[in-house]
Amino acid sequence: MNYQFLLETFFVALSGVPIALLVTVVALFIALPLGFLLALTRINKIPVVHHLAKIYVSFVRGTPIIIQIFIIYSSIPLMLKIIFEKYQIPYDIYKINPIWYAFIVFAFSSTAILIEVFRSALSTIEKGQLEAAYSVGLTTFQAYTRIITPQALVVALPNICTATVNLIKATSLGYAMSLPEITLKAKVAANVGYNYVEAYLDIFIVYLILCSTVEYLFKRYEKYLSKYKAANA
């Protein structure tokens, strides 16, 4: 065991944390509202959209994320190339920063997961609350923003935490898109002296610290919401 390399590469791997967090935050920023809206289509069984959302969820849950990465990372440049050539747009699509593909891939995967998270959370809310909101003159939008959604978020928060942690860990597959995140940086450093055991141990430690911190923050926020709910009961 090369302890000096272990220590040095730990900080190399740590330098990839901002990229992993950026991809996580942007993917969640896209996936949270989309997941909630598509969950509503499933709850209310909106024709066509309901079935499409169901197929979408089945596809994402039934395929490995690494395969989704390869498909999206390979197909998007080809589609863009066809479009750019058709409209004579003078831009080399192969110069696009891979982080943009990472945003698409992980938002695509996370949205499907959050659809089920919000669907199960919304199912716990009694339908009578929506009818009561209508009876006092609230619109559907007002009823959801003021009554339904806050309650559903409290119920969904533990599963959102799990989805977030899983998303952070999934960013380790960003190396397949040449994304300079934690895993790729540590593996590149290990290539020189073939110190892969040390590199993977560093990756393990960095992700453990990162995911444990995120879980702690979610638990604190969940505890805060519980107190707030109790105070207003």
Protein backbone atom coordinates (compact mmCIF):
# COMPACT_ATOMS: atom_id res chain seq x y z
CA MET A 1 0.00 0.00 0.00
CA ASN A 2 1.45 3.35 -1.10
CA TYR A 3 0.27 5.64 1.69
CA GLN A 4 1.81 8.76 0.19
CA PHE A 5 -0.04 8.17 -3.07
CA LEU A 6 -3.20 7.41 -1.06
CA LEU A 7 -3.00 10.78 0.67
CA GLU A 8 -2.12 12.75 -2.47
CA THR A 9 -4.82 11.12 -4.59
CA PHE A 10 -7.41 11.73 -1.90
CA PHE A 11 -7.13 15.46 -2.59
CA VAL A 12 -7.11 14.80 -6.33
CA ALA A 13 -10.38 12.87 -5.98
CA LEU A 14 -11.71 15.58 -3.67
CA SER A 15 -11.17 18.16 -6.43
CA GLY A 16 -13.83 16.34 -8.47
CA VAL A 17 -16.52 16.94 -5.83
CA PRO A 18 -17.67 20.33 -7.27
CA ILE A 19 -18.43 18.69 -10.64
CA ALA A 20 -20.32 15.83 -8.97
CA LEU A 21 -22.35 18.28 -6.89
CA LEU A 22 -23.02 20.56 -9.87
CA VAL A 23 -24.37 17.66 -11.92
CA THR A 24 -26.48 16.54 -8.94
CA VAL A 25 -27.96 19.99 -8.29
CA VAL A 26 -28.76 20.71 -11.95
CA ALA A 27 -30.25 17.24 -12.49
CA LEU A 28 -32.47 17.65 -9.41
CA PHE A 29 -33.43 21.18 -10.46
CA ILE A 30 -34.79 19.68 -13.68
CA ALA A 31 -36.09 16.39 -12.28
CA LEU A 32 -38.01 17.63 -9.21
CA PRO A 33 -40.64 19.76 -11.02
CA LEU A 34 -40.88 17.33 -13.95
CA GLY A 35 -41.22 14.36 -11.63
CA PHE A 36 -43.96 16.11 -9.67
CA LEU A 37 -45.93 17.12 -12.77
CA LEU A 38 -45.69 13.65 -14.31
CA ALA A 39 -46.69 12.13 -10.98
CA LEU A 40 -49.87 14.23 -11.14
CA THR A 41 -50.60 12.84 -14.60
CA ARG A 42 -50.36 9.33 -13.18
CA ILE A 43 -52.45 10.13 -10.09
CA ASN A 44 -55.17 11.79 -12.20
CA LYS A 45 -54.79 9.23 -15.02
CA ILE A 46 -54.58 11.85 -17.76
CA PRO A 47 -55.08 10.06 -21.11
CA VAL A 48 -51.98 9.29 -23.21
CA VAL A 49 -49.60 11.19 -20.89
CA HIS A 50 -50.38 8.77 -18.06
CA HIS A 51 -49.42 5.78 -20.23
CA LEU A 52 -46.32 7.47 -21.64
CA ALA A 53 -45.13 8.32 -18.12
CA LYS A 54 -45.69 4.71 -17.06
CA ILE A 55 -43.63 3.40 -20.00
CA TYR A 56 -40.91 5.97 -19.28
CA VAL A 57 -40.67 4.90 -15.63
CA SER A 58 -40.55 1.22 -16.62
CA PHE A 59 -37.79 1.89 -19.14
CA VAL A 60 -35.58 3.78 -16.70
CA ARG A 61 -36.14 1.38 -13.79
CA GLY A 62 -35.58 -1.64 -16.02
CA THR A 63 -32.27 -0.58 -17.59
CA PRO A 64 -28.82 0.06 -16.05
CA ILE A 65 -27.91 3.73 -15.91
CA ILE A 66 -24.58 3.02 -17.63
CA ILE A 67 -26.56 1.82 -20.68
CA GLN A 68 -28.67 4.98 -20.57
CA ILE A 69 -25.44 6.99 -20.52
CA PHE A 70 -24.05 5.19 -23.56
CA ILE A 71 -27.31 5.56 -25.50
CA ILE A 72 -27.80 9.26 -24.78
CA TYR A 73 -24.11 10.16 -25.05
CA SER A 74 -23.93 8.41 -28.43
CA SER A 75 -27.29 9.41 -29.92
CA ILE A 76 -27.48 13.12 -29.06
CA PRO A 77 -24.30 14.09 -31.00
CA LEU A 78 -25.57 12.16 -34.03
CA MET A 79 -28.95 13.91 -33.93
CA LEU A 80 -27.33 17.31 -33.44
CA LYS A 81 -24.97 16.65 -36.32
CA ILE A 82 -27.89 15.91 -38.65
CA ILE A 83 -29.74 19.05 -37.53
CA PHE A 84 -26.64 21.28 -37.78
CA GLU A 85 -25.81 19.99 -41.24
CA LYS A 86 -29.39 20.44 -42.44
CA TYR A 87 -29.53 24.05 -41.31
CA GLN A 88 -25.84 24.69 -42.08
CA ILE A 89 -24.92 25.66 -38.55
CA PRO A 90 -21.12 26.03 -38.39
CA TYR A 91 -20.45 24.38 -35.04
CA ASP A 92 -18.45 21.29 -34.13
CA ILE A 93 -20.76 19.28 -31.88
CA TYR A 94 -17.87 17.16 -30.66
CA LYS A 95 -16.54 20.21 -28.83
CA ILE A 96 -19.59 20.33 -26.55
CA ASN A 97 -18.58 20.00 -22.91
CA PRO A 98 -19.59 16.51 -21.64
CA ILE A 99 -21.15 18.08 -18.56
CA TRP A 100 -24.14 19.05 -20.71
CA TYR A 101 -24.69 15.40 -21.58
CA ALA A 102 -24.34 14.55 -17.89
CA PHE A 103 -27.12 17.02 -17.03
CA ILE A 104 -29.41 15.35 -19.59
CA VAL A 105 -28.58 11.76 -18.61
CA PHE A 106 -28.94 12.16 -14.87
CA ALA A 107 -32.01 14.41 -15.10
CA PHE A 108 -33.58 11.80 -17.39
CA SER A 109 -32.91 9.02 -14.88
CA SER A 110 -33.80 11.01 -11.76
CA THR A 111 -37.12 12.24 -13.15
CA ALA A 112 -38.39 8.68 -13.54
CA ILE A 113 -37.43 7.85 -9.95
CA LEU A 114 -39.04 11.00 -8.57
CA ILE A 115 -42.26 10.32 -10.47
CA GLU A 116 -42.77 7.25 -8.29
CA VAL A 117 -41.61 9.09 -5.16
CA PHE A 118 -44.17 11.87 -5.64
CA ARG A 119 -46.88 9.49 -6.81
CA SER A 120 -46.63 7.48 -3.59
CA ALA A 121 -46.49 10.68 -1.50
CA LEU A 122 -49.51 12.23 -3.21
CA SER A 123 -51.44 8.99 -2.72
CA THR A 124 -51.20 9.48 1.06
CA ILE A 125 -53.09 12.78 0.90
CA GLU A 126 -56.83 12.39 1.39
CA LYS A 127 -58.94 13.48 -1.58
CA GLY A 128 -61.27 15.20 0.83
CA GLN A 129 -58.67 17.92 1.39
CA LEU A 130 -58.86 18.91 -2.27
CA GLU A 131 -62.65 18.97 -2.13
CA ALA A 132 -62.49 21.09 1.03
CA ALA A 133 -60.19 23.54 -0.73
CA TYR A 134 -62.69 23.85 -3.57
CA SER A 135 -65.49 24.45 -1.07
CA VAL A 136 -63.73 27.54 0.33
CA GLY A 137 -63.13 28.99 -3.12
CA LEU A 138 -59.56 27.91 -3.84
CA THR A 139 -58.52 27.04 -7.38
CA THR A 140 -56.79 23.75 -8.19
CA PHE A 141 -53.45 25.54 -8.41
CA GLN A 142 -53.96 27.26 -5.05
CA ALA A 143 -55.11 24.00 -3.44
CA TYR A 144 -51.99 22.17 -4.57
CA THR A 145 -49.50 24.94 -3.73
CA ARG A 146 -50.99 25.76 -0.31
CA ILE A 147 -52.34 22.42 0.93
CA ILE A 148 -51.49 19.31 -1.08
CA THR A 149 -47.88 19.91 -2.16
CA PRO A 150 -46.48 20.93 1.28
CA GLN A 151 -47.91 17.77 2.86
CA ALA A 152 -46.71 15.57 0.01
CA LEU A 153 -43.19 17.00 0.25
CA VAL A 154 -42.96 16.14 3.95
CA VAL A 155 -43.97 12.55 3.16
CA ALA A 156 -41.65 12.36 0.13
CA LEU A 157 -38.58 13.89 1.79
CA PRO A 158 -36.96 10.62 2.99
CA ASN A 159 -37.30 9.12 -0.50
CA ILE A 160 -36.03 12.34 -2.09
CA CYS A 161 -32.99 12.00 0.20
CA THR A 162 -32.44 8.45 -1.02
CA ALA A 163 -32.83 9.54 -4.65
CA THR A 164 -30.33 12.37 -4.11
CA VAL A 165 -27.74 10.10 -2.52
CA ASN A 166 -28.17 7.54 -5.31
CA LEU A 167 -27.78 10.33 -7.86
CA ILE A 168 -24.53 11.49 -6.25
CA LYS A 169 -23.20 7.94 -6.38
CA ALA A 170 -24.36 7.57 -9.98
CA THR A 171 -22.24 10.56 -11.01
CA SER A 172 -19.26 8.23 -10.54
CA LEU A 173 -20.26 6.80 -13.93
CA GLY A 174 -19.59 10.18 -15.49
CA TYR A 175 -16.13 8.89 -16.40
CA ALA A 176 -17.85 7.12 -19.33
CA MET A 177 -18.51 10.59 -20.77
CA SER A 178 -15.02 11.87 -19.92
CA LEU A 179 -16.53 13.98 -17.16
CA PRO A 180 -13.76 15.16 -14.81
CA GLU A 181 -15.51 14.07 -11.63
CA ILE A 182 -14.25 12.14 -8.61
CA THR A 183 -13.77 8.72 -10.21
CA LEU A 184 -12.11 9.88 -13.42
CA LYS A 185 -9.64 12.14 -11.62
CA ALA A 186 -8.59 9.39 -9.22
CA LYS A 187 -8.28 6.78 -12.01
CA VAL A 188 -6.15 9.10 -14.16
CA ALA A 189 -3.82 9.68 -11.20
CA ALA A 190 -3.59 5.91 -10.67
CA ASN A 191 -2.68 5.19 -14.31
CA VAL A 192 0.91 6.38 -13.84
CA GLY A 193 1.96 3.84 -11.23
CA TYR A 194 -0.97 1.40 -11.46
CA ASN A 195 -2.00 2.31 -7.91
CA TYR A 196 -5.64 1.40 -8.49
CA VAL A 197 -6.29 -0.05 -5.03
CA GLU A 198 -5.32 3.25 -3.41
CA ALA A 199 -7.31 5.23 -5.98
CA TYR A 200 -10.47 3.21 -5.46
CA LEU A 201 -10.07 3.50 -1.70
CA ASP A 202 -9.87 7.28 -2.08
CA ILE A 203 -13.00 7.26 -4.24
CA PHE A 204 -14.74 5.16 -1.60
CA ILE A 205 -13.79 7.57 1.20
CA VAL A 206 -14.77 10.72 -0.74
CA TYR A 207 -18.19 9.35 -1.69
CA LEU A 208 -18.76 8.08 1.84
CA ILE A 209 -18.07 11.52 3.28
CA LEU A 210 -20.13 13.28 0.61
CA CYS A 211 -23.17 11.01 0.86
CA SER A 212 -23.08 10.94 4.67
CA THR A 213 -23.06 14.75 4.72
CA VAL A 214 -26.04 14.95 2.37
CA GLU A 215 -27.96 12.39 4.45
CA TYR A 216 -27.20 14.38 7.61
CA LEU A 217 -28.48 17.62 6.04
CA PHE A 218 -31.67 15.93 4.86
CA LYS A 219 -32.27 14.47 8.32
CA ARG A 220 -31.82 17.88 9.90
CA TYR A 221 -34.28 19.41 7.44
CA GLU A 222 -36.74 16.56 7.98
CA LYS A 223 -36.49 17.11 11.72
CA TYR A 224 -37.10 20.82 11.20
CA LEU A 225 -40.22 20.12 9.11
CA SER A 226 -41.51 17.70 11.75
CA LYS A 227 -41.20 20.36 14.47
CA TYR A 228 -42.86 22.92 12.26
CA LYS A 229 -45.71 20.53 11.52
CA ALA A 230 -46.15 19.71 15.21
CA ALA A 231 -46.13 23.39 16.14
CA ASN A 232 -48.95 24.10 13.72
CA ALA A 233 -50.99 20.99 14.39
